[in-house]
Amino acid sequence: MNRKELVKLLKEYGVIQFGKFKLSSGKESDYYIDMRRALSVPVIYREIIEAMTQLVSDVDLVAGIESGGVPWAAMLAYRLGMGMIYVRKQPKEHGTSRSVEGIYSSNQRVLVIDDVMTTGSSIMRGIELIQAAGLRVIQAMVIVDRSGGSVNLKVPLHYVLRAEEILNELNGTNK
């Protein structure tokens, strides 16, 4: 499947929606990208995981950012045959009270995954928490980068699609 077909499926299944939306960053937008909907469509998530697989190199663990990045990190880790950890939005108030969950060892090389990035605040916070746990974040990846290239995570960032690419592809189609 090519990128044009993937974008068409994202629109067809309501992953990309047009209207008035408030984003997790607090920003207002006239479009919303809901990658949680893509999890319900095997033809979409298989294509995305295969594209993500091509972008990964030299890591020991895959980490997901709660909540949007967790299912994608789990599928990618499974596909790559590696362990997965995840970063909580807030540490649990019971049990171990950890911010980073899973089995890991100091200095392991980590790829951090989130579904959509606008300001980068969620993934940056995740990177900081993973590093504080003694791990080395060497790459970050998002399915859709809607930052316009304005975010510097201080690690290489990979993406499957950019929002501009999606919007350009849909330009002229019935929103």
C-alpha atoms as a PDB file:
ATOM      1  CA  MET A   1       0.000   0.000   0.000  1.00  0.00           C
ATOM      2  CA  ASN A   2       1.331   3.449  -0.820  1.00  0.00           C
ATOM      3  CA  ARG A   3       1.046   6.564   1.328  1.00  0.00           C
ATOM      4  CA  LYS A   4      -1.817   7.972  -0.759  1.00  0.00           C
ATOM      5  CA  GLU A   5      -3.884   4.820  -0.153  1.00  0.00           C
ATOM      6  CA  LEU A   6      -3.068   4.908   3.566  1.00  0.00           C
ATOM      7  CA  VAL A   7      -4.213   8.538   3.843  1.00  0.00           C
ATOM      8  CA  LYS A   8      -7.418   7.644   1.986  1.00  0.00           C
ATOM      9  CA  LEU A   9      -8.114   4.833   4.478  1.00  0.00           C
ATOM     10  CA  LEU A  10      -7.386   7.136   7.425  1.00  0.00           C
ATOM     11  CA  LYS A  11     -10.025   9.551   6.116  1.00  0.00           C
ATOM     12  CA  GLU A  12     -12.480   6.768   5.208  1.00  0.00           C
ATOM     13  CA  TYR A  13     -12.414   5.290   8.728  1.00  0.00           C
ATOM     14  CA  GLY A  14     -12.661   8.642  10.509  1.00  0.00           C
ATOM     15  CA  VAL A  15      -9.106   8.664  11.806  1.00  0.00           C
ATOM     16  CA  ILE A  16      -8.833  12.124  10.249  1.00  0.00           C
ATOM     17  CA  GLN A  17     -11.779  14.350  11.056  1.00  0.00           C
ATOM     18  CA  PHE A  18     -12.567  17.943  10.167  1.00  0.00           C
ATOM     19  CA  GLY A  19     -14.380  20.443  12.393  1.00  0.00           C
ATOM     20  CA  LYS A  20     -13.425  22.376  15.542  1.00  0.00           C
ATOM     21  CA  PHE A  21     -11.244  20.490  18.016  1.00  0.00           C
ATOM     22  CA  LYS A  22      -9.256  21.243  21.144  1.00  0.00           C
ATOM     23  CA  LEU A  23      -5.994  19.282  21.164  1.00  0.00           C
ATOM     24  CA  SER A  24      -4.259  17.813  24.226  1.00  0.00           C
ATOM     25  CA  SER A  25      -1.731  20.632  23.851  1.00  0.00           C
ATOM     26  CA  GLY A  26      -4.584  23.092  24.457  1.00  0.00           C
ATOM     27  CA  LYS A  27      -4.372  24.386  20.889  1.00  0.00           C
ATOM     28  CA  GLU A  28      -7.468  24.718  18.704  1.00  0.00           C
ATOM     29  CA  SER A  29      -7.493  22.955  15.342  1.00  0.00           C
ATOM     30  CA  ASP A  30      -9.828  22.545  12.379  1.00  0.00           C
ATOM     31  CA  TYR A  31      -8.794  18.910  12.028  1.00  0.00           C
ATOM     32  CA  TYR A  32      -8.196  16.020  14.403  1.00  0.00           C
ATOM     33  CA  ILE A  33      -6.143  12.879  13.948  1.00  0.00           C
ATOM     34  CA  ASP A  34      -7.476  10.102  16.178  1.00  0.00           C
ATOM     35  CA  MET A  35      -5.059   7.194  15.850  1.00  0.00           C
ATOM     36  CA  ARG A  36      -7.113   5.217  18.400  1.00  0.00           C
ATOM     37  CA  ARG A  37      -9.655   4.650  15.622  1.00  0.00           C
ATOM     38  CA  ALA A  38      -6.920   3.137  13.438  1.00  0.00           C
ATOM     39  CA  LEU A  39      -6.462   0.401  16.065  1.00  0.00           C
ATOM     40  CA  SER A  40      -9.867  -0.987  15.025  1.00  0.00           C
ATOM     41  CA  VAL A  41      -8.880  -1.435  11.377  1.00  0.00           C
ATOM     42  CA  PRO A  42      -6.324  -4.218  10.760  1.00  0.00           C
ATOM     43  CA  VAL A  43      -5.444  -3.097   7.229  1.00  0.00           C
ATOM     44  CA  ILE A  44      -4.478   0.321   8.628  1.00  0.00           C
ATOM     45  CA  TYR A  45      -2.578  -0.781  11.721  1.00  0.00           C
ATOM     46  CA  ARG A  46      -0.664  -3.476   9.850  1.00  0.00           C
ATOM     47  CA  GLU A  47       0.488  -0.924   7.288  1.00  0.00           C
ATOM     48  CA  ILE A  48       1.514   1.544   9.988  1.00  0.00           C
ATOM     49  CA  ILE A  49       3.419  -1.086  12.001  1.00  0.00           C
ATOM     50  CA  GLU A  50       5.258  -2.245   8.871  1.00  0.00           C
ATOM     51  CA  ALA A  51       6.210   1.366   8.088  1.00  0.00           C
ATOM     52  CA  MET A  52       7.383   1.851  11.690  1.00  0.00           C
ATOM     53  CA  THR A  53       9.434  -1.350  11.517  1.00  0.00           C
ATOM     54  CA  GLN A  54      11.416   0.096   8.609  1.00  0.00           C
ATOM     55  CA  LEU A  55      12.381   3.141  10.679  1.00  0.00           C
ATOM     56  CA  VAL A  56      13.760   1.334  13.766  1.00  0.00           C
ATOM     57  CA  SER A  57      17.430   0.597  14.301  1.00  0.00           C
ATOM     58  CA  ASP A  58      19.742  -0.366  17.124  1.00  0.00           C
ATOM     59  CA  VAL A  59      17.345  -0.391  20.102  1.00  0.00           C
ATOM     60  CA  ASP A  60      16.767  -2.814  22.979  1.00  0.00           C
ATOM     61  CA  LEU A  61      13.293  -1.724  24.103  1.00  0.00           C
ATOM     62  CA  VAL A  62      10.245   0.031  22.739  1.00  0.00           C
ATOM     63  CA  ALA A  63       8.514   2.496  25.067  1.00  0.00           C
ATOM     64  CA  GLY A  64       4.975   3.805  24.669  1.00  0.00           C
ATOM     65  CA  ILE A  65       3.660   7.106  25.975  1.00  0.00           C
ATOM     66  CA  GLU A  66       0.347   6.642  27.822  1.00  0.00           C
ATOM     67  CA  SER A  67      -2.198   6.380  26.414  1.00  0.00           C
ATOM     68  CA  GLY A  68      -1.991   6.909  22.661  1.00  0.00           C
ATOM     69  CA  GLY A  69       1.497   5.467  22.221  1.00  0.00           C
ATOM     70  CA  VAL A  70       1.013   2.309  24.286  1.00  0.00           C
ATOM     71  CA  PRO A  71      -0.881   0.071  21.821  1.00  0.00           C
ATOM     72  CA  TRP A  72       1.416   1.111  18.959  1.00  0.00           C
ATOM     73  CA  ALA A  73       4.515   0.432  21.050  1.00  0.00           C
ATOM     74  CA  ALA A  74       3.109  -2.973  22.023  1.00  0.00           C
ATOM     75  CA  MET A  75       2.419  -3.962  18.418  1.00  0.00           C
ATOM     76  CA  LEU A  76       5.806  -2.705  17.244  1.00  0.00           C
ATOM     77  CA  ALA A  77       7.655  -4.470  20.085  1.00  0.00           C
ATOM     78  CA  TYR A  78       5.821  -7.699  19.239  1.00  0.00           C
ATOM     79  CA  ARG A  79       6.654  -7.304  15.537  1.00  0.00           C
ATOM     80  CA  LEU A  80      10.335  -6.702  16.369  1.00  0.00           C
ATOM     81  CA  GLY A  81      10.499  -9.418  19.018  1.00  0.00           C
ATOM     82  CA  MET A  82      11.603  -7.066  21.790  1.00  0.00           C
ATOM     83  CA  GLY A  83      10.425  -5.968  25.190  1.00  0.00           C
ATOM     84  CA  MET A  84       8.119  -3.048  25.768  1.00  0.00           C
ATOM     85  CA  ILE A  85       7.789  -0.547  28.588  1.00  0.00           C
ATOM     86  CA  TYR A  86       5.469   2.399  28.988  1.00  0.00           C
ATOM     87  CA  VAL A  87       5.421   5.814  30.592  1.00  0.00           C
ATOM     88  CA  ARG A  88       2.475   6.749  32.793  1.00  0.00           C
ATOM     89  CA  LYS A  89       0.907  10.203  32.657  1.00  0.00           C
ATOM     90  CA  GLN A  90       0.966  10.170  36.455  1.00  0.00           C
ATOM     91  CA  PRO A  91       2.723   7.710  38.780  1.00  0.00           C
ATOM     92  CA  LYS A  92       0.379   5.274  40.474  1.00  0.00           C
ATOM     93  CA  GLU A  93      -0.573   6.255  44.000  1.00  0.00           C
ATOM     94  CA  HIS A  94      -0.422   2.622  45.088  1.00  0.00           C
ATOM     95  CA  GLY A  95       1.845  -0.349  44.481  1.00  0.00           C
ATOM     96  CA  THR A  96       5.276   0.624  43.152  1.00  0.00           C
ATOM     97  CA  SER A  97       4.353   4.263  42.349  1.00  0.00           C
ATOM     98  CA  ARG A  98       6.415   4.080  39.164  1.00  0.00           C
ATOM     99  CA  SER A  99       6.314   6.429  36.218  1.00  0.00           C
ATOM    100  CA  VAL A 100       7.961   3.880  33.901  1.00  0.00           C
ATOM    101  CA  GLU A 101       6.384   0.427  33.876  1.00  0.00           C
ATOM    102  CA  GLY A 102       7.854  -2.831  32.637  1.00  0.00           C
ATOM    103  CA  ILE A 103      11.061  -4.812  32.920  1.00  0.00           C
ATOM    104  CA  TYR A 104      14.219  -2.962  31.982  1.00  0.00           C
ATOM    105  CA  SER A 105      17.886  -2.612  32.876  1.00  0.00           C
ATOM    106  CA  SER A 106      20.055   0.449  33.247  1.00  0.00           C
ATOM    107  CA  ASN A 107      21.550   1.780  30.004  1.00  0.00           C
ATOM    108  CA  GLN A 108      19.253  -0.141  27.648  1.00  0.00           C
ATOM    109  CA  ARG A 109      18.681   1.694  24.349  1.00  0.00           C
ATOM    110  CA  VAL A 110      15.085   2.817  23.975  1.00  0.00           C
ATOM    111  CA  LEU A 111      12.826   3.905  21.134  1.00  0.00           C
ATOM    112  CA  VAL A 112       9.984   6.103  22.450  1.00  0.00           C
ATOM    113  CA  ILE A 113       6.640   5.961  20.615  1.00  0.00           C
ATOM    114  CA  ASP A 114       3.658   8.300  20.637  1.00  0.00           C
ATOM    115  CA  ASP A 115       0.771   8.373  18.208  1.00  0.00           C
ATOM    116  CA  VAL A 116       0.519  12.065  17.277  1.00  0.00           C
ATOM    117  CA  MET A 117       2.863  14.939  18.124  1.00  0.00           C
ATOM    118  CA  THR A 118       1.903  18.608  18.014  1.00  0.00           C
ATOM    119  CA  THR A 119       4.009  20.483  20.594  1.00  0.00           C
ATOM    120  CA  GLY A 120       6.081  17.491  21.658  1.00  0.00           C
ATOM    121  CA  SER A 121       5.374  18.045  25.361  1.00  0.00           C
ATOM    122  CA  SER A 122       4.072  14.509  26.019  1.00  0.00           C
ATOM    123  CA  ILE A 123       6.919  12.732  24.278  1.00  0.00           C
ATOM    124  CA  MET A 124       9.527  15.096  25.810  1.00  0.00           C
ATOM    125  CA  ARG A 125       8.168  14.378  29.284  1.00  0.00           C
ATOM    126  CA  GLY A 126       8.296  10.650  28.505  1.00  0.00           C
ATOM    127  CA  ILE A 127      11.891  10.892  27.327  1.00  0.00           C
ATOM    128  CA  GLU A 128      12.867  12.693  30.538  1.00  0.00           C
ATOM    129  CA  LEU A 129      11.179  10.064  32.735  1.00  0.00           C
ATOM    130  CA  ILE A 130      12.773   7.188  30.825  1.00  0.00           C
ATOM    131  CA  GLN A 131      16.183   8.798  31.144  1.00  0.00           C
ATOM    132  CA  ALA A 132      15.596   9.391  34.865  1.00  0.00           C
ATOM    133  CA  ALA A 133      14.946   5.636  35.161  1.00  0.00           C
ATOM    134  CA  GLY A 134      18.496   5.038  33.895  1.00  0.00           C
ATOM    135  CA  LEU A 135      17.693   4.167  30.282  1.00  0.00           C
ATOM    136  CA  ARG A 136      19.144   5.716  27.124  1.00  0.00           C
ATOM    137  CA  VAL A 137      16.597   7.141  24.714  1.00  0.00           C
ATOM    138  CA  ILE A 138      18.229   6.984  21.313  1.00  0.00           C
ATOM    139  CA  GLN A 139      15.223   7.480  19.013  1.00  0.00           C
ATOM    140  CA  ALA A 140      11.673   8.781  19.103  1.00  0.00           C
ATOM    141  CA  MET A 141       8.876   7.983  16.687  1.00  0.00           C
ATOM    142  CA  VAL A 142       5.363   9.232  16.073  1.00  0.00           C
ATOM    143  CA  ILE A 143       2.829   8.000  13.594  1.00  0.00           C
ATOM    144  CA  VAL A 144       1.789  11.540  12.672  1.00  0.00           C
ATOM    145  CA  ASP A 145       3.974  14.591  13.173  1.00  0.00           C
ATOM    146  CA  ARG A 146       1.769  17.664  13.172  1.00  0.00           C
ATOM    147  CA  SER A 147       4.464  19.931  14.644  1.00  0.00           C
ATOM    148  CA  GLY A 148       5.597  21.267  11.281  1.00  0.00           C
ATOM    149  CA  GLY A 149       9.164  20.388  12.194  1.00  0.00           C
ATOM    150  CA  SER A 150       9.189  22.864  15.080  1.00  0.00           C
ATOM    151  CA  VAL A 151       9.998  20.370  17.869  1.00  0.00           C
ATOM    152  CA  ASN A 152      13.530  19.423  18.924  1.00  0.00           C
ATOM    153  CA  LEU A 153      13.469  16.297  21.094  1.00  0.00           C
ATOM    154  CA  LYS A 154      17.284  16.120  21.314  1.00  0.00           C
ATOM    155  CA  VAL A 155      17.095  12.598  19.851  1.00  0.00           C
ATOM    156  CA  PRO A 156      16.404  11.592  16.251  1.00  0.00           C
ATOM    157  CA  LEU A 157      12.681  11.750  15.463  1.00  0.00           C
ATOM    158  CA  HIS A 158      11.065   9.432  12.929  1.00  0.00           C
ATOM    159  CA  TYR A 159       7.501   9.645  11.689  1.00  0.00           C
ATOM    160  CA  VAL A 160       5.248   7.623   9.411  1.00  0.00           C
ATOM    161  CA  LEU A 161       3.317  10.641   8.121  1.00  0.00           C
ATOM    162  CA  ARG A 162       3.378  14.405   8.522  1.00  0.00           C
ATOM    163  CA  ALA A 163       0.126  16.282   8.965  1.00  0.00           C
ATOM    164  CA  GLU A 164       1.024  18.537   6.032  1.00  0.00           C
ATOM    165  CA  GLU A 165       1.369  15.471   3.824  1.00  0.00           C
ATOM    166  CA  ILE A 166      -2.036  14.178   4.922  1.00  0.00           C
ATOM    167  CA  LEU A 167      -3.722  17.537   4.370  1.00  0.00           C
ATOM    168  CA  ASN A 168      -2.065  18.010   0.988  1.00  0.00           C
ATOM    169  CA  GLU A 169      -3.212  14.555  -0.066  1.00  0.00           C
ATOM    170  CA  LEU A 170      -6.779  15.321   1.019  1.00  0.00           C
ATOM    171  CA  ASN A 171      -6.745  18.818  -0.487  1.00  0.00           C
ATOM    172  CA  GLY A 172      -9.478  19.039  -3.047  1.00  0.00           C
ATOM    173  CA  THR A 173     -11.319  16.000  -1.709  1.00  0.00           C
ATOM    174  CA  ASN A 174     -14.608  16.232   0.118  1.00  0.00           C
ATOM    175  CA  LYS A 175     -13.745  16.867   3.746  1.00  0.00           C
END
